[in-house]
Amino acid sequence: MSYADYECFRVELDDGIARVTMDYPPINLLDEKMSREFDSLGRQLEADDAVRVVILQSANPDFFIAHSGLRRVAESGTGKVSGTRNFRLTQVIGERFRNMPKVTISKVEGRARGGGNEISMATDMCFAALGRAIFAHPEVAIGLVPGGGSTQRLPRLLGRGRALEILTGCDDFSAELAERYGLVNRAFPPDELGPFVDNLARRIATFPIHAIAHVKTAVDQGAFHSLSEGLLTEAYQSDLCVRSEVTQARVRNALADGWETKEGEMDISARLASATLAKPD
């Protein structure tokens, strides 16, 4: 299969391993363009019998994926958006990488906030670089419920209390804390992360593809039995927030304050507490 037609991704195939490098300057924003390409790429990888392992990584040292694009909310007025295909694409993309009959791995070396963290959680494994990787969910601070699966995945991974700490605290989590909480499999010094992930991928890629597919199905039966219902609940709660005038105002203010620019995205945690974002309430 050819993977040459993507603008946001570069794909290298090597002995059953697909190394997918996200390269969508300036911040790998999961906007409409990147979401559509992600969806198409997931379908292609899922159908490629030559691929046993998929590694998601970023060309940008500062960003794995910044977050989902806010403009779809800003441009929606106060209407329902979760029923539209584009809005739910993060859920769809995550579920495809979780369900495809091959192992999917996220290698996070920069910021993975909002939809970026939802994608990394949806893959089968996630490994992070100490001192570089940052995880966060800033949605509630703007008046939103995360809509890409985190309200369902986080409690399963971390437990209810820690999930709510991340979702309502809206603060950055280091790779070290993410490892301690169980948000990632392991955290490594930056120079050790790549070799570990490559060695693991090469090892898995030598195993029978049918065994990989069957063990994933068996594990998911126990871990995510009611996930589909939970995702529908998440979508409904997202709708309730998007209708809010407070949310619409905060999204507009966030965009005006520099969100979705590289400079603005470098320190979102500090911006979340700014008076500029909070007005008007």
Protein backbone atom coordinates (compact mmCIF):
# COMPACT_ATOMS: atom_id res chain seq x y z
CA MET A 1 0.00 0.00 0.00
CA SER A 2 1.09 3.55 -0.69
CA TYR A 3 0.95 6.14 2.10
CA ALA A 4 2.22 9.06 0.01
CA ASP A 5 -0.94 11.15 -0.21
CA TYR A 6 -1.06 12.53 3.34
CA GLU A 7 -0.11 16.11 4.17
CA CYS A 8 -0.17 15.80 7.98
CA PHE A 9 1.56 12.42 8.26
CA ARG A 10 4.64 10.59 7.05
CA VAL A 11 4.52 6.79 7.11
CA GLU A 12 7.53 4.50 6.98
CA LEU A 13 7.06 0.74 6.65
CA ASP A 14 9.70 -1.64 7.97
CA ASP A 15 9.26 -5.40 8.52
CA GLY A 16 5.67 -5.23 9.73
CA ILE A 17 6.05 -1.90 11.54
CA ALA A 18 4.35 1.30 10.39
CA ARG A 19 6.05 4.36 11.88
CA VAL A 20 3.54 7.18 11.59
CA THR A 21 5.11 10.61 12.10
CA MET A 22 2.69 13.47 12.65
CA ASP A 23 4.04 16.58 10.91
CA TYR A 24 1.41 19.32 10.81
CA PRO A 25 3.03 22.64 11.80
CA PRO A 26 3.01 24.56 13.94
CA ILE A 27 1.45 22.45 16.74
CA ASN A 28 -0.12 19.29 15.27
CA LEU A 29 -3.58 20.70 15.93
CA LEU A 30 -6.25 18.02 15.60
CA ASP A 31 -8.44 20.24 13.43
CA GLU A 32 -10.74 19.28 10.56
CA LYS A 33 -7.89 18.64 8.13
CA MET A 34 -5.77 16.52 10.44
CA SER A 35 -8.83 14.67 11.75
CA ARG A 36 -9.95 13.70 8.25
CA GLU A 37 -6.48 12.49 7.35
CA PHE A 38 -6.17 10.62 10.67
CA ASP A 39 -9.45 8.85 9.95
CA SER A 40 -8.36 7.90 6.44
CA LEU A 41 -4.94 6.77 7.64
CA GLY A 42 -6.48 4.62 10.37
CA ARG A 43 -8.70 2.88 7.84
CA GLN A 44 -5.73 2.22 5.57
CA LEU A 45 -3.52 0.88 8.36
CA GLU A 46 -6.35 -1.32 9.61
CA ALA A 47 -6.69 -2.93 6.18
CA ASP A 48 -2.96 -3.33 5.52
CA ASP A 49 -2.15 -6.98 6.14
CA ALA A 50 1.58 -6.22 6.02
CA VAL A 51 1.38 -4.11 9.18
CA ARG A 52 1.51 -5.76 12.61
CA VAL A 53 2.55 -2.77 14.74
CA VAL A 54 1.76 0.95 14.39
CA ILE A 55 3.88 3.58 16.15
CA LEU A 56 2.48 7.13 16.45
CA GLN A 57 5.14 9.79 16.95
CA SER A 58 5.64 13.48 16.21
CA ALA A 59 8.13 15.43 14.14
CA ASN A 60 7.61 18.38 16.51
CA PRO A 61 9.62 18.09 19.76
CA ASP A 62 7.17 20.39 21.58
CA PHE A 63 3.88 18.79 20.52
CA PHE A 64 2.63 15.23 20.12
CA ILE A 65 -0.86 16.57 19.33
CA ALA A 66 -1.78 19.96 20.81
CA HIS A 67 -5.50 19.22 21.22
CA SER A 68 -8.68 19.10 19.14
CA GLY A 69 -9.50 22.23 17.16
CA LEU A 70 -11.69 24.73 19.00
CA ARG A 71 -12.98 26.42 15.87
CA ARG A 72 -15.56 23.69 15.28
CA VAL A 73 -17.12 24.78 18.59
CA ALA A 74 -16.67 28.50 17.93
CA GLU A 75 -18.32 28.16 14.52
CA SER A 76 -21.20 26.01 15.73
CA GLY A 77 -23.10 28.82 17.47
CA THR A 78 -24.96 27.17 20.32
CA GLY A 79 -26.27 24.21 18.32
CA LYS A 80 -25.69 20.50 18.68
CA VAL A 81 -22.40 19.36 17.19
CA SER A 82 -21.68 15.90 18.63
CA GLY A 83 -23.90 14.19 16.07
CA THR A 84 -21.81 15.52 13.20
CA ARG A 85 -19.15 13.23 11.83
CA ASN A 86 -16.32 15.74 12.17
CA PHE A 87 -16.96 16.47 15.84
CA ARG A 88 -16.99 12.77 16.79
CA LEU A 89 -13.98 11.90 14.67
CA THR A 90 -11.65 11.81 17.70
CA GLN A 91 -13.85 9.12 19.23
CA VAL A 92 -13.95 7.27 15.90
CA ILE A 93 -10.19 7.55 15.36
CA GLY A 94 -9.44 6.38 18.88
CA GLU A 95 -11.74 3.41 18.60
CA ARG A 96 -10.21 2.39 15.28
CA PHE A 97 -6.68 2.40 16.72
CA ARG A 98 -7.94 0.48 19.76
CA ASN A 99 -9.83 -2.10 17.74
CA MET A 100 -7.61 -2.69 14.72
CA PRO A 101 -6.12 -6.23 14.73
CA LYS A 102 -2.57 -5.02 15.30
CA VAL A 103 -0.69 -3.39 18.15
CA THR A 104 -0.76 0.41 18.30
CA ILE A 105 1.80 2.41 20.29
CA SER A 106 2.03 6.12 21.09
CA LYS A 107 5.51 7.56 21.62
CA VAL A 108 4.96 10.92 23.30
CA GLU A 109 7.82 13.40 23.47
CA GLY A 110 5.92 16.71 23.66
CA ARG A 111 2.50 18.02 24.66
CA ALA A 112 -0.51 15.71 24.42
CA ARG A 113 -3.48 17.76 25.59
CA GLY A 114 -7.20 17.22 25.07
CA GLY A 115 -7.70 15.25 21.88
CA GLY A 116 -3.98 14.53 21.77
CA ASN A 117 -4.17 12.70 25.08
CA GLU A 118 -7.37 10.98 23.94
CA ILE A 119 -5.53 9.58 20.92
CA SER A 120 -2.55 8.46 23.01
CA MET A 121 -4.87 6.76 25.54
CA ALA A 122 -6.77 4.97 22.80
CA THR A 123 -3.69 3.24 21.44
CA ASP A 124 -2.77 -0.08 23.02
CA MET A 125 0.31 1.31 24.74
CA CYS A 126 1.80 4.70 25.47
CA PHE A 127 5.39 5.53 26.36
CA ALA A 128 6.63 9.00 27.28
CA ALA A 129 9.85 11.00 27.43
CA LEU A 130 10.84 12.25 30.88
CA GLY A 131 11.29 16.01 31.00
CA ARG A 132 9.53 16.50 27.66
CA ALA A 133 6.13 14.81 27.57
CA ILE A 134 3.18 16.72 29.02
CA PHE A 135 -0.39 15.44 29.36
CA ALA A 136 -3.47 17.53 30.16
CA HIS A 137 -7.19 18.08 29.67
CA PRO A 138 -7.99 21.83 29.63
CA GLU A 139 -11.55 21.48 28.29
CA VAL A 140 -13.52 22.05 31.51
CA ALA A 141 -11.72 25.37 32.07
CA ILE A 142 -13.28 26.60 28.82
CA GLY A 143 -16.68 25.19 29.70
CA LEU A 144 -16.51 21.98 27.67
CA VAL A 145 -16.77 18.27 28.37
CA PRO A 146 -13.98 16.40 26.55
CA GLY A 147 -15.53 14.75 23.52
CA GLY A 148 -12.91 12.29 22.30
CA GLY A 149 -13.23 9.50 24.83
CA SER A 150 -11.33 10.68 27.91
CA THR A 151 -14.34 10.69 30.27
CA GLN A 152 -14.60 6.96 29.61
CA ARG A 153 -10.96 5.93 29.25
CA LEU A 154 -9.46 7.84 32.18
CA PRO A 155 -11.62 6.21 34.91
CA ARG A 156 -10.80 2.80 33.46
CA LEU A 157 -7.08 3.55 33.45
CA LEU A 158 -6.68 5.56 36.65
CA GLY A 159 -9.85 5.24 38.74
CA ARG A 160 -12.56 7.83 39.29
CA GLY A 161 -10.70 10.16 41.64
CA ARG A 162 -7.61 10.58 39.50
CA ALA A 163 -9.72 10.90 36.37
CA LEU A 164 -11.63 13.77 37.93
CA GLU A 165 -8.39 15.34 39.15
CA ILE A 166 -7.13 15.49 35.57
CA LEU A 167 -10.44 16.47 33.97
CA THR A 168 -11.51 19.14 36.45
CA GLY A 169 -8.07 20.37 37.55
CA CYS A 170 -7.10 21.15 33.93
CA ASP A 171 -3.40 21.19 34.83
CA ASP A 172 -0.36 19.74 33.09
CA PHE A 173 0.91 16.30 34.10
CA SER A 174 4.56 15.40 33.62
CA ALA A 175 5.66 12.09 32.17
CA GLU A 176 6.85 11.05 35.63
CA LEU A 177 3.44 11.69 37.22
CA ALA A 178 1.65 10.14 34.25
CA GLU A 179 3.66 6.96 34.76
CA ARG A 180 2.92 6.93 38.50
CA TYR A 181 -0.82 7.37 37.86
CA GLY A 182 -0.91 4.72 35.13
CA LEU A 183 -1.71 7.13 32.32
CA VAL A 184 1.28 5.79 30.37
CA ASN A 185 2.94 2.39 30.37
CA ARG A 186 6.40 3.72 31.18
CA ALA A 187 8.43 6.92 31.06
CA PHE A 188 12.04 6.94 29.85
CA PRO A 189 14.87 9.44 29.51
CA PRO A 190 14.54 10.92 26.01
CA ASP A 191 17.55 9.07 24.62
CA GLU A 192 16.16 5.73 25.82
CA LEU A 193 12.56 6.15 24.65
CA GLY A 194 13.08 5.60 20.92
CA PRO A 195 15.27 2.49 21.24
CA PHE A 196 12.86 0.89 23.73
CA VAL A 197 9.78 1.47 21.54
CA ASP A 198 11.62 0.30 18.41
CA ASN A 199 12.83 -2.89 20.12
CA LEU A 200 9.36 -3.65 21.49
CA ALA A 201 7.75 -3.03 18.09
CA ARG A 202 10.26 -5.26 16.31
CA ARG A 203 9.67 -8.03 18.85
CA ILE A 204 5.88 -7.88 18.50
CA ALA A 205 6.11 -7.70 14.70
CA THR A 206 7.68 -11.16 14.62
CA PHE A 207 4.63 -12.77 16.25
CA PRO A 208 1.61 -14.23 14.38
CA ILE A 209 -0.83 -11.50 13.42
CA HIS A 210 -3.86 -13.66 14.23
CA ALA A 211 -2.63 -14.17 17.79
CA ILE A 212 -2.17 -10.42 18.23
CA ALA A 213 -5.71 -9.80 16.97
CA HIS A 214 -7.28 -12.46 19.19
CA VAL A 215 -5.50 -11.39 22.37
CA LYS A 216 -6.60 -7.79 21.80
CA THR A 217 -10.20 -8.92 21.40
CA ALA A 218 -10.03 -10.95 24.60
CA VAL A 219 -8.44 -8.14 26.62
CA ASP A 220 -10.91 -5.54 25.34
CA GLN A 221 -13.87 -7.70 26.28
CA GLY A 222 -12.84 -7.39 29.89
CA ALA A 223 -11.57 -3.82 29.84
CA PHE A 224 -14.11 -1.98 27.69
CA HIS A 225 -17.33 -3.95 27.78
CA SER A 226 -19.61 -0.91 28.06
CA LEU A 227 -17.43 1.69 26.34
CA SER A 228 -19.83 2.26 23.42
CA GLU A 229 -22.62 3.31 25.75
CA GLY A 230 -20.20 5.53 27.64
CA LEU A 231 -19.11 7.29 24.46
CA LEU A 232 -22.73 8.11 23.64
CA THR A 233 -23.13 9.56 27.12
CA GLU A 234 -19.99 11.61 26.63
CA ALA A 235 -21.30 12.95 23.31
CA TYR A 236 -24.59 14.02 24.91
CA GLN A 237 -22.83 15.80 27.77
CA SER A 238 -20.59 17.54 25.23
CA ASP A 239 -23.68 18.85 23.47
CA LEU A 240 -25.02 20.31 26.67
CA CYS A 241 -21.80 22.28 27.13
CA VAL A 242 -21.53 23.47 23.54
CA ARG A 243 -24.99 25.03 23.82
CA SER A 244 -23.82 27.19 26.72
CA GLU A 245 -23.21 30.88 26.00
CA VAL A 246 -20.45 30.81 28.62
CA THR A 247 -18.68 28.07 26.70
CA GLN A 248 -19.05 29.90 23.40
CA ALA A 249 -17.60 33.07 24.96
CA ARG A 250 -14.69 31.21 26.51
CA VAL A 251 -13.86 29.47 23.24
CA ARG A 252 -13.83 32.82 21.44
CA ASN A 253 -11.64 34.31 24.17
CA ALA A 254 -9.27 31.35 24.08
CA LEU A 255 -8.79 31.77 20.34
CA ALA A 256 -8.25 35.52 20.79
CA ASP A 257 -5.77 34.80 23.59
CA GLY A 258 -3.52 32.80 21.29
CA TRP A 259 -4.75 29.24 21.49
CA GLU A 260 -3.97 27.27 18.32
CA THR A 261 -0.81 29.32 17.78
CA LYS A 262 2.55 27.91 18.78
CA GLU A 263 3.31 30.75 21.20
CA GLY A 264 -0.06 30.48 22.89
CA GLU A 265 0.05 26.72 23.17
CA MET A 266 3.44 26.53 24.88
CA ASP A 267 1.99 27.32 28.31
CA ILE A 268 -1.75 26.75 28.26
CA SER A 269 -1.80 25.87 31.96
CA ALA A 270 -0.98 29.47 32.91
CA ARG A 271 -3.46 30.87 30.39
CA LEU A 272 -6.30 28.81 31.85
CA ALA A 273 -6.19 30.92 35.01
CA SER A 274 -6.06 34.22 33.14
CA ALA A 275 -8.84 36.78 33.48
CA THR A 276 -8.90 37.13 29.69
CA LEU A 277 -10.18 33.58 29.23
CA ALA A 278 -12.80 33.86 31.94
CA LYS A 279 -14.54 36.99 30.61
CA PRO A 280 -17.43 37.16 30.11
CA ASP A 281 -19.00 34.52 32.37
